[in-house]
């Protein structure tokens, strides 16, 4: 276990699932690569946080679009139902007269 690496992760504001994944990757690296990883930790952490932020924004955009599509589908269904109902009512009225 690399104490320096674990301390960096403990101080990090990354989410626990991300920390778990990073641990898995880190301990698979060769020693030389681990040293390079530790030397670049701040950049790596900023990069990962930026990715997380971008993903959250993208999810919000997609959710907004999905809600908009649902609202449009409901409005269309209502218009279609109203048109059909009015057409049937007019037909019944004509037959009655």
PDB file of N, CA and C in Angstrom:
ATOM      1  N   UNK A   1       0.846  -1.173   0.000  1.00  0.00           N
ATOM      2  CA  UNK A   1       0.000   0.000   0.000  1.00  0.00           C
ATOM      3  C   UNK A   1       0.894   1.239   0.000  1.00  0.00           C
ATOM      4  N   UNK A   2       0.531   2.206  -0.815  1.00  0.00           N
ATOM      5  CA  UNK A   2       1.274   3.444  -0.926  1.00  0.00           C
ATOM      6  C   UNK A   2       0.608   4.490  -0.030  1.00  0.00           C
ATOM      7  N   UNK A   3       1.280   4.836   1.056  1.00  0.00           N
ATOM      8  CA  UNK A   3       0.703   5.750   2.048  1.00  0.00           C
ATOM      9  C   UNK A   3       0.455   7.135   1.452  1.00  0.00           C
ATOM     10  N   UNK A   4       1.387   7.623   0.664  1.00  0.00           N
ATOM     11  CA  UNK A   4       1.226   8.949   0.060  1.00  0.00           C
ATOM     12  C   UNK A   4      -0.018   8.981  -0.838  1.00  0.00           C
ATOM     13  N   UNK A   5      -0.163   7.958  -1.642  1.00  0.00           N
ATOM     14  CA  UNK A   5      -1.316   7.871  -2.531  1.00  0.00           C
ATOM     15  C   UNK A   5      -2.616   7.824  -1.734  1.00  0.00           C
ATOM     16  N   UNK A   6      -2.652   7.007  -0.698  1.00  0.00           N
ATOM     17  CA  UNK A   6      -3.855   6.882   0.125  1.00  0.00           C
ATOM     18  C   UNK A   6      -4.197   8.206   0.815  1.00  0.00           C
ATOM     19  N   UNK A   7      -3.179   8.937   1.249  1.00  0.00           N
ATOM     20  CA  UNK A   7      -3.420  10.245   1.867  1.00  0.00           C
ATOM     21  C   UNK A   7      -4.004  11.227   0.857  1.00  0.00           C
ATOM     22  N   UNK A   8      -3.480  11.200  -0.353  1.00  0.00           N
ATOM     23  CA  UNK A   8      -4.010  12.072  -1.394  1.00  0.00           C
ATOM     24  C   UNK A   8      -5.484  11.746  -1.670  1.00  0.00           C
ATOM     25  N   UNK A   9      -5.792  10.484  -1.739  1.00  0.00           N
ATOM     26  CA  UNK A   9      -7.181  10.085  -1.981  1.00  0.00           C
ATOM     27  C   UNK A   9      -8.079  10.465  -0.804  1.00  0.00           C
ATOM     28  N   UNK A  10      -7.578  10.297   0.404  1.00  0.00           N
ATOM     29  CA  UNK A  10      -8.368  10.641   1.593  1.00  0.00           C
ATOM     30  C   UNK A  10      -8.710  12.130   1.609  1.00  0.00           C
ATOM     31  N   UNK A  11      -7.787  12.964   1.176  1.00  0.00           N
ATOM     32  CA  UNK A  11      -8.003  14.422   1.154  1.00  0.00           C
ATOM     33  C   UNK A  11      -8.829  14.863  -0.046  1.00  0.00           C
ATOM     34  N   UNK A  12      -8.915  14.029  -1.028  1.00  0.00           N
ATOM     35  CA  UNK A  12      -9.582  14.392  -2.280  1.00  0.00           C
ATOM     36  C   UNK A  12     -11.090  14.535  -2.104  1.00  0.00           C
ATOM     37  N   UNK A  13     -11.677  15.425  -2.894  1.00  0.00           N
ATOM     38  CA  UNK A  13     -13.134  15.590  -2.873  1.00  0.00           C
ATOM     39  C   UNK A  13     -13.814  14.719  -3.935  1.00  0.00           C
ATOM     40  N   UNK A  14     -13.045  13.853  -4.563  1.00  0.00           N
ATOM     41  CA  UNK A  14     -13.635  12.913  -5.519  1.00  0.00           C
ATOM     42  C   UNK A  14     -14.618  12.014  -4.785  1.00  0.00           C
ATOM     43  N   UNK A  15     -15.597  11.531  -5.519  1.00  0.00           N
ATOM     44  CA  UNK A  15     -16.590  10.633  -4.926  1.00  0.00           C
ATOM     45  C   UNK A  15     -15.973   9.259  -4.684  1.00  0.00           C
ATOM     46  N   UNK A  16     -16.515   8.540  -3.720  1.00  0.00           N
ATOM     47  CA  UNK A  16     -15.961   7.238  -3.326  1.00  0.00           C
ATOM     48  C   UNK A  16     -15.867   6.232  -4.484  1.00  0.00           C
ATOM     49  N   UNK A  17     -16.893   6.140  -5.328  1.00  0.00           N
ATOM     50  CA  UNK A  17     -16.747   5.191  -6.451  1.00  0.00           C
ATOM     51  C   UNK A  17     -15.563   5.551  -7.363  1.00  0.00           C
ATOM     52  N   UNK A  18     -15.329   6.856  -7.545  1.00  0.00           N
ATOM     53  CA  UNK A  18     -14.188   7.283  -8.362  1.00  0.00           C
ATOM     54  C   UNK A  18     -12.872   6.925  -7.684  1.00  0.00           C
ATOM     55  N   UNK A  19     -12.818   7.136  -6.375  1.00  0.00           N
ATOM     56  CA  UNK A  19     -11.602   6.795  -5.620  1.00  0.00           C
ATOM     57  C   UNK A  19     -11.320   5.294  -5.732  1.00  0.00           C
ATOM     58  N   UNK A  20     -12.371   4.505  -5.643  1.00  0.00           N
ATOM     59  CA  UNK A  20     -12.208   3.056  -5.750  1.00  0.00           C
ATOM     60  C   UNK A  20     -11.595   2.694  -7.103  1.00  0.00           C
ATOM     61  N   UNK A  21     -12.137   3.261  -8.177  1.00  0.00           N
ATOM     62  CA  UNK A  21     -11.632   2.980  -9.522  1.00  0.00           C
ATOM     63  C   UNK A  21     -10.177   3.428  -9.679  1.00  0.00           C
ATOM     64  N   UNK A  22      -9.864   4.583  -9.142  1.00  0.00           N
ATOM     65  CA  UNK A  22      -8.494   5.102  -9.234  1.00  0.00           C
ATOM     66  C   UNK A  22      -7.531   4.183  -8.489  1.00  0.00           C
ATOM     67  N   UNK A  23      -7.962   3.708  -7.327  1.00  0.00           N
ATOM     68  CA  UNK A  23      -7.118   2.760  -6.574  1.00  0.00           C
ATOM     69  C   UNK A  23      -6.836   1.515  -7.410  1.00  0.00           C
ATOM     70  N   UNK A  24      -7.871   0.994  -8.030  1.00  0.00           N
ATOM     71  CA  UNK A  24      -7.703  -0.212  -8.835  1.00  0.00           C
ATOM     72  C   UNK A  24      -6.673   0.013  -9.930  1.00  0.00           C
ATOM     73  N   UNK A  25      -6.760   1.141 -10.590  1.00  0.00           N
ATOM     74  CA  UNK A  25      -5.830   1.454 -11.678  1.00  0.00           C
ATOM     75  C   UNK A  25      -4.426   1.699 -11.136  1.00  0.00           C
ATOM     76  N   UNK A  26      -4.334   2.489 -10.077  1.00  0.00           N
ATOM     77  CA  UNK A  26      -3.029   2.861  -9.528  1.00  0.00           C
ATOM     78  C   UNK A  26      -2.201   1.631  -9.163  1.00  0.00           C
ATOM     79  N   UNK A  27      -2.818   0.690  -8.487  1.00  0.00           N
ATOM     80  CA  UNK A  27      -2.060  -0.468  -8.013  1.00  0.00           C
ATOM     81  C   UNK A  27      -1.744  -1.470  -9.127  1.00  0.00           C
ATOM     82  N   UNK A  28      -2.308  -1.260 -10.299  1.00  0.00           N
ATOM     83  CA  UNK A  28      -1.935  -2.076 -11.461  1.00  0.00           C
ATOM     84  C   UNK A  28      -0.727  -1.493 -12.200  1.00  0.00           C
ATOM     85  N   UNK A  29      -0.433  -0.222 -11.921  1.00  0.00           N
ATOM     86  CA  UNK A  29       0.676   0.447 -12.612  1.00  0.00           C
ATOM     87  C   UNK A  29       2.032  -0.051 -12.098  1.00  0.00           C
ATOM     88  N   UNK A  30       3.010   0.008 -12.976  1.00  0.00           N
ATOM     89  CA  UNK A  30       4.391  -0.286 -12.569  1.00  0.00           C
ATOM     90  C   UNK A  30       4.854   0.840 -11.630  1.00  0.00           C
ATOM     91  N   UNK A  31       5.851   0.567 -10.807  1.00  0.00           N
ATOM     92  CA  UNK A  31       6.338   1.532  -9.814  1.00  0.00           C
ATOM     93  C   UNK A  31       6.697   2.877 -10.436  1.00  0.00           C
ATOM     94  N   UNK A  32       7.362   2.847 -11.587  1.00  0.00           N
ATOM     95  CA  UNK A  32       7.761   4.092 -12.244  1.00  0.00           C
ATOM     96  C   UNK A  32       6.527   4.923 -12.625  1.00  0.00           C
ATOM     97  N   UNK A  33       5.521   4.234 -13.110  1.00  0.00           N
ATOM     98  CA  UNK A  33       4.279   4.914 -13.514  1.00  0.00           C
ATOM     99  C   UNK A  33       3.533   5.448 -12.286  1.00  0.00           C
ATOM    100  N   UNK A  34       3.601   4.730 -11.181  1.00  0.00           N
ATOM    101  CA  UNK A  34       2.979   5.219  -9.949  1.00  0.00           C
ATOM    102  C   UNK A  34       3.625   6.519  -9.502  1.00  0.00           C
ATOM    103  N   UNK A  35       4.936   6.603  -9.614  1.00  0.00           N
ATOM    104  CA  UNK A  35       5.654   7.824  -9.232  1.00  0.00           C
ATOM    105  C   UNK A  35       5.205   8.989 -10.115  1.00  0.00           C
ATOM    106  N   UNK A  36       5.097   8.748 -11.399  1.00  0.00           N
ATOM    107  CA  UNK A  36       4.649   9.792 -12.329  1.00  0.00           C
ATOM    108  C   UNK A  36       3.210  10.199 -12.002  1.00  0.00           C
ATOM    109  N   UNK A  37       2.382   9.208 -11.711  1.00  0.00           N
ATOM    110  CA  UNK A  37       0.981   9.472 -11.352  1.00  0.00           C
ATOM    111  C   UNK A  37       0.906  10.374 -10.121  1.00  0.00           C
ATOM    112  N   UNK A  38       1.688  10.045  -9.097  1.00  0.00           N
ATOM    113  CA  UNK A  38       1.698  10.842  -7.863  1.00  0.00           C
ATOM    114  C   UNK A  38       2.214  12.254  -8.114  1.00  0.00           C
ATOM    115  N   UNK A  39       3.219  12.376  -8.965  1.00  0.00           N
ATOM    116  CA  UNK A  39       3.786  13.695  -9.274  1.00  0.00           C
ATOM    117  C   UNK A  39       2.762  14.574  -9.995  1.00  0.00           C
ATOM    118  N   UNK A  40       1.860  13.959 -10.712  1.00  0.00           N
ATOM    119  CA  UNK A  40       0.850  14.701 -11.474  1.00  0.00           C
ATOM    120  C   UNK A  40      -0.540  14.634 -10.839  1.00  0.00           C
ATOM    121  N   UNK A  41      -0.595  14.304  -9.568  1.00  0.00           N
ATOM    122  CA  UNK A  41      -1.874  14.085  -8.909  1.00  0.00           C
ATOM    123  C   UNK A  41      -2.808  15.288  -9.005  1.00  0.00           C
ATOM    124  N   UNK A  42      -2.312  16.486  -8.751  1.00  0.00           N
ATOM    125  CA  UNK A  42      -3.179  17.665  -8.747  1.00  0.00           C
ATOM    126  C   UNK A  42      -3.828  17.875 -10.115  1.00  0.00           C
ATOM    127  N   UNK A  43      -3.046  17.715 -11.172  1.00  0.00           N
ATOM    128  CA  UNK A  43      -3.588  17.837 -12.536  1.00  0.00           C
ATOM    129  C   UNK A  43      -4.634  16.755 -12.789  1.00  0.00           C
ATOM    130  N   UNK A  44      -4.309  15.553 -12.382  1.00  0.00           N
ATOM    131  CA  UNK A  44      -5.210  14.421 -12.603  1.00  0.00           C
ATOM    132  C   UNK A  44      -6.519  14.632 -11.847  1.00  0.00           C
ATOM    133  N   UNK A  45      -6.409  15.063 -10.607  1.00  0.00           N
ATOM    134  CA  UNK A  45      -7.601  15.288  -9.796  1.00  0.00           C
ATOM    135  C   UNK A  45      -8.473  16.386 -10.413  1.00  0.00           C
ATOM    136  N   UNK A  46      -7.870  17.499 -10.824  1.00  0.00           N
ATOM    137  CA  UNK A  46      -8.622  18.583 -11.472  1.00  0.00           C
ATOM    138  C   UNK A  46      -9.312  18.078 -12.741  1.00  0.00           C
ATOM    139  N   UNK A  47      -8.571  17.286 -13.509  1.00  0.00           N
ATOM    140  CA  UNK A  47      -9.117  16.735 -14.740  1.00  0.00           C
ATOM    141  C   UNK A  47     -10.331  15.853 -14.457  1.00  0.00           C
ATOM    142  N   UNK A  48     -10.227  14.984 -13.463  1.00  0.00           N
ATOM    143  CA  UNK A  48     -11.333  14.093 -13.113  1.00  0.00           C
ATOM    144  C   UNK A  48     -12.536  14.864 -12.580  1.00  0.00           C
ATOM    145  N   UNK A  49     -12.286  15.900 -11.797  1.00  0.00           N
ATOM    146  CA  UNK A  49     -13.380  16.728 -11.283  1.00  0.00           C
ATOM    147  C   UNK A  49     -14.069  17.473 -12.420  1.00  0.00           C
ATOM    148  N   UNK A  50     -13.290  17.934 -13.388  1.00  0.00           N
ATOM    149  CA  UNK A  50     -13.853  18.628 -14.552  1.00  0.00           C
ATOM    150  C   UNK A  50     -14.721  17.663 -15.362  1.00  0.00           C
ATOM    151  N   UNK A  51     -14.241  16.452 -15.557  1.00  0.00           N
ATOM    152  CA  UNK A  51     -15.032  15.455 -16.273  1.00  0.00           C
ATOM    153  C   UNK A  51     -16.354  15.208 -15.548  1.00  0.00           C
ATOM    154  N   UNK A  52     -16.297  15.060 -14.232  1.00  0.00           N
ATOM    155  CA  UNK A  52     -17.510  14.818 -13.431  1.00  0.00           C
ATOM    156  C   UNK A  52     -18.480  15.994 -13.601  1.00  0.00           C
ATOM    157  N   UNK A  53     -17.953  17.208 -13.535  1.00  0.00           N
ATOM    158  CA  UNK A  53     -18.782  18.413 -13.697  1.00  0.00           C
ATOM    159  C   UNK A  53     -19.428  18.443 -15.091  1.00  0.00           C
ATOM    160  N   UNK A  54     -18.642  18.136 -16.108  1.00  0.00           N
ATOM    161  CA  UNK A  54     -19.166  18.120 -17.481  1.00  0.00           C
ATOM    162  C   UNK A  54     -20.251  17.066 -17.645  1.00  0.00           C
ATOM    163  N   UNK A  55     -20.051  15.902 -17.038  1.00  0.00           N
ATOM    164  CA  UNK A  55     -21.053  14.836 -17.116  1.00  0.00           C
ATOM    165  C   UNK A  55     -22.357  15.246 -16.443  1.00  0.00           C
ATOM    166  N   UNK A  56     -22.249  15.919 -15.309  1.00  0.00           N
ATOM    167  CA  UNK A  56     -23.442  16.374 -14.597  1.00  0.00           C
ATOM    168  C   UNK A  56     -24.196  17.396 -15.452  1.00  0.00           C
ATOM    169  N   UNK A  57     -23.462  18.341 -16.060  1.00  0.00           N
ATOM    170  CA  UNK A  57     -24.102  19.333 -16.936  1.00  0.00           C
ATOM    171  C   UNK A  57     -24.783  18.651 -18.110  1.00  0.00           C
ATOM    172  N   UNK A  58     -24.105  17.685 -18.709  1.00  0.00           N
ATOM    173  CA  UNK A  58     -24.663  16.967 -19.854  1.00  0.00           C
ATOM    174  C   UNK A  58     -25.930  16.212 -19.449  1.00  0.00           C
ATOM    175  N   UNK A  59     -25.923  15.595 -18.276  1.00  0.00           N
ATOM    176  CA  UNK A  59     -27.108  14.890 -17.792  1.00  0.00           C
ATOM    177  C   UNK A  59     -28.271  15.860 -17.601  1.00  0.00           C
ATOM    178  N   UNK A  60     -27.974  17.049 -17.056  1.00  0.00           N
ATOM    179  CA  UNK A  60     -29.020  18.051 -16.849  1.00  0.00           C
ATOM    180  C   UNK A  60     -29.606  18.488 -18.186  1.00  0.00           C
ATOM    181  N   UNK A  61     -28.745  18.693 -19.184  1.00  0.00           N
ATOM    182  CA  UNK A  61     -29.210  19.083 -20.517  1.00  0.00           C
ATOM    183  C   UNK A  61     -30.083  17.988 -21.110  1.00  0.00           C
ATOM    184  N   UNK A  62     -29.603  16.748 -21.024  1.00  0.00           N
ATOM    185  CA  UNK A  62     -30.371  15.628 -21.582  1.00  0.00           C
ATOM    186  C   UNK A  62     -31.698  15.437 -20.863  1.00  0.00           C
ATOM    187  N   UNK A  63     -31.685  15.617 -19.554  1.00  0.00           N
ATOM    188  CA  UNK A  63     -32.920  15.491 -18.785  1.00  0.00           C
ATOM    189  C   UNK A  63     -33.899  16.578 -19.198  1.00  0.00           C
ATOM    190  N   UNK A  64     -33.401  17.798 -19.357  1.00  0.00           N
ATOM    191  CA  UNK A  64     -34.252  18.905 -19.800  1.00  0.00           C
ATOM    192  C   UNK A  64     -34.856  18.625 -21.163  1.00  0.00           C
ATOM    193  N   UNK A  65     -34.048  18.104 -22.083  1.00  0.00           N
ATOM    194  CA  UNK A  65     -34.551  17.771 -23.415  1.00  0.00           C
ATOM    195  C   UNK A  65     -35.584  16.650 -23.347  1.00  0.00           C
ATOM    196  N   UNK A  66     -35.321  15.671 -22.508  1.00  0.00           N
ATOM    197  CA  UNK A  66     -36.265  14.556 -22.366  1.00  0.00           C
ATOM    198  C   UNK A  66     -37.602  15.060 -21.828  1.00  0.00           C
ATOM    199  N   UNK A  67     -37.563  15.932 -20.828  1.00  0.00           N
ATOM    200  CA  UNK A  67     -38.804  16.484 -20.270  1.00  0.00           C
ATOM    201  C   UNK A  67     -39.549  17.304 -21.316  1.00  0.00           C
ATOM    202  N   UNK A  68     -38.805  18.070 -22.095  1.00  0.00           N
ATOM    203  CA  UNK A  68     -39.413  18.863 -23.166  1.00  0.00           C
ATOM    204  C   UNK A  68     -40.093  17.942 -24.187  1.00  0.00           C
ATOM    205  N   UNK A  69     -39.423  16.860 -24.563  1.00  0.00           N
ATOM    206  CA  UNK A  69     -40.004  15.901 -25.515  1.00  0.00           C
ATOM    207  C   UNK A  69     -41.260  15.248 -24.950  1.00  0.00           C
ATOM    208  N   UNK A  70     -41.239  14.933 -23.668  1.00  0.00           N
ATOM    209  CA  UNK A  70     -42.415  14.332 -23.028  1.00  0.00           C
ATOM    210  C   UNK A  70     -43.577  15.311 -23.033  1.00  0.00           C
ATOM    211  N   UNK A  71     -43.298  16.573 -22.689  1.00  0.00           N
ATOM    212  CA  UNK A  71     -44.348  17.590 -22.688  1.00  0.00           C
ATOM    213  C   UNK A  71     -44.939  17.770 -24.085  1.00  0.00           C
ATOM    214  N   UNK A  72     -44.088  17.773 -25.099  1.00  0.00           N
ATOM    215  CA  UNK A  72     -44.569  17.908 -26.472  1.00  0.00           C
ATOM    216  C   UNK A  72     -45.429  16.709 -26.869  1.00  0.00           C
ATOM    217  N   UNK A  73     -45.002  15.520 -26.478  1.00  0.00           N
ATOM    218  CA  UNK A  73     -45.773  14.317 -26.800  1.00  0.00           C
ATOM    219  C   UNK A  73     -47.137  14.343 -26.119  1.00  0.00           C
ATOM    220  N   UNK A  74     -47.174  14.798 -24.875  1.00  0.00           N
ATOM    221  CA  UNK A  74     -48.447  14.888 -24.149  1.00  0.00           C
ATOM    222  C   UNK A  74     -49.355  15.914 -24.812  1.00  0.00           C
ATOM    223  N   UNK A  75     -48.798  17.062 -25.173  1.00  0.00           N
ATOM    224  CA  UNK A  75     -49.593  18.101 -25.843  1.00  0.00           C
ATOM    225  C   UNK A  75     -50.146  17.594 -27.167  1.00  0.00           C
ATOM    226  N   UNK A  76     -49.319  16.904 -27.926  1.00  0.00           N
ATOM    227  CA  UNK A  76     -49.762  16.356 -29.215  1.00  0.00           C
ATOM    228  C   UNK A  76     -50.868  15.329 -29.004  1.00  0.00           C
ATOM    229  N   UNK A  77     -50.684  14.471 -27.998  1.00  0.00           N
ATOM    230  CA  UNK A  77     -51.701  13.455 -27.709  1.00  0.00           C
ATOM    231  C   UNK A  77     -53.012  14.116 -27.306  1.00  0.00           C
ATOM    232  N   UNK A  78     -52.938  15.182 -26.516  1.00  0.00           N
ATOM    233  CA  UNK A  78     -54.158  15.892 -26.108  1.00  0.00           C
ATOM    234  C   UNK A  78     -54.841  16.512 -27.316  1.00  0.00           C
ATOM    235  N   UNK A  79     -54.053  17.169 -28.190  1.00  0.00           N
ATOM    236  CA  UNK A  79     -54.626  17.785 -29.385  1.00  0.00           C
ATOM    237  C   UNK A  79     -55.281  16.735 -30.273  1.00  0.00           C
ATOM    238  N   UNK A  80     -54.597  15.607 -30.434  1.00  0.00           N
ATOM    239  CA  UNK A  80     -55.135  14.524 -31.259  1.00  0.00           C
ATOM    240  C   UNK A  80     -56.426  13.995 -30.658  1.00  0.00           C
ATOM    241  N   UNK A  81     -56.446  13.810 -29.346  1.00  0.00           N
ATOM    242  CA  UNK A  81     -57.638  13.296 -28.673  1.00  0.00           C
ATOM    243  C   UNK A  81     -58.785  14.299 -28.788  1.00  0.00           C
ATOM    244  N   UNK A  82     -58.489  15.581 -28.573  1.00  0.00           N
ATOM    245  CA  UNK A  82     -59.533  16.614 -28.659  1.00  0.00           C
ATOM    246  C   UNK A  82     -60.090  16.678 -30.079  1.00  0.00           C
ATOM    247  N   UNK A  83     -59.199  16.648 -31.071  1.00  0.00           N
ATOM    248  CA  UNK A  83     -59.639  16.688 -32.475  1.00  0.00           C
ATOM    249  C   UNK A  83     -60.538  15.489 -32.777  1.00  0.00           C
ATOM    250  N   UNK A  84     -60.137  14.317 -32.326  1.00  0.00           N
ATOM    251  CA  UNK A  84     -60.933  13.110 -32.564  1.00  0.00           C
ATOM    252  C   UNK A  84     -62.280  13.213 -31.858  1.00  0.00           C
ATOM    253  N   UNK A  85     -62.277  13.684 -30.627  1.00  0.00           N
ATOM    254  CA  UNK A  85     -63.508  13.818 -29.855  1.00  0.00           C
ATOM    255  C   UNK A  85     -64.458  14.809 -30.510  1.00  0.00           C
ATOM    256  N   UNK A  86     -63.923  15.958 -30.954  1.00  0.00           N
ATOM    257  CA  UNK A  86     -64.755  16.968 -31.607  1.00  0.00           C
ATOM    258  C   UNK A  86     -65.311  16.423 -32.917  1.00  0.00           C
ATOM    259  N   UNK A  87     -64.489  15.729 -33.684  1.00  0.00           N
ATOM    260  CA  UNK A  87     -64.941  15.147 -34.954  1.00  0.00           C
ATOM    261  C   UNK A  87     -66.070  14.149 -34.719  1.00  0.00           C
ATOM    262  N   UNK A  88     -65.915  13.298 -33.720  1.00  0.00           N
ATOM    263  CA  UNK A  88     -66.959  12.323 -33.403  1.00  0.00           C
ATOM    264  C   UNK A  88     -68.229  13.012 -32.919  1.00  0.00           C
ATOM    265  N   UNK A  89     -68.060  14.033 -32.093  1.00  0.00           N
ATOM    266  CA  UNK A  89     -69.220  14.757 -31.569  1.00  0.00           C
ATOM    267  C   UNK A  89     -69.964  15.454 -32.707  1.00  0.00           C
ATOM    268  N   UNK A  90     -69.212  16.041 -33.631  1.00  0.00           N
ATOM    269  CA  UNK A  90     -69.838  16.703 -34.786  1.00  0.00           C
ATOM    270  C   UNK A  90     -70.575  15.679 -35.642  1.00  0.00           C
ATOM    271  N   UNK A  91     -69.951  14.528 -35.853  1.00  0.00           N
ATOM    272  CA  UNK A  91     -70.601  13.464 -36.621  1.00  0.00           C
ATOM    273  C   UNK A  91     -71.887  12.998 -35.959  1.00  0.00           C
ATOM    274  N   UNK A  92     -71.850  12.834 -34.647  1.00  0.00           N
ATOM    275  CA  UNK A  92     -73.060  12.416 -33.913  1.00  0.00           C
ATOM    276  C   UNK A  92     -74.132  13.476 -33.996  1.00  0.00           C
ATOM    277  N   UNK A  93     -73.729  14.747 -33.911  1.00  0.00           N
ATOM    278  CA  UNK A  93     -74.684  15.843 -33.991  1.00  0.00           C
ATOM    279  C   UNK A  93     -75.327  15.896 -35.361  1.00  0.00           C
ATOM    280  N   UNK A  94     -74.548  15.711 -36.414  1.00  0.00           N
ATOM    281  CA  UNK A  94     -75.081  15.717 -37.786  1.00  0.00           C
ATOM    282  C   UNK A  94     -76.063  14.570 -37.976  1.00  0.00           C
ATOM    283  N   UNK A  95     -75.735  13.396 -37.452  1.00  0.00           N
ATOM    284  CA  UNK A  95     -76.631  12.245 -37.574  1.00  0.00           C
ATOM    285  C   UNK A  95     -77.935  12.479 -36.806  1.00  0.00           C
ATOM    286  N   UNK A  96     -77.821  13.172 -35.704  1.00  0.00           N
ATOM    287  CA  UNK A  96     -78.991  13.464 -34.877  1.00  0.00           C
ATOM    288  C   UNK A  96     -79.912  14.455 -35.578  1.00  0.00           C
ATOM    289  N   UNK A  97     -79.308  15.429 -36.246  1.00  0.00           N
ATOM    290  CA  UNK A  97     -80.104  16.449 -36.932  1.00  0.00           C
ATOM    291  C   UNK A  97     -80.612  15.878 -38.220  1.00  0.00           C
TER     292      UNK A  97
END
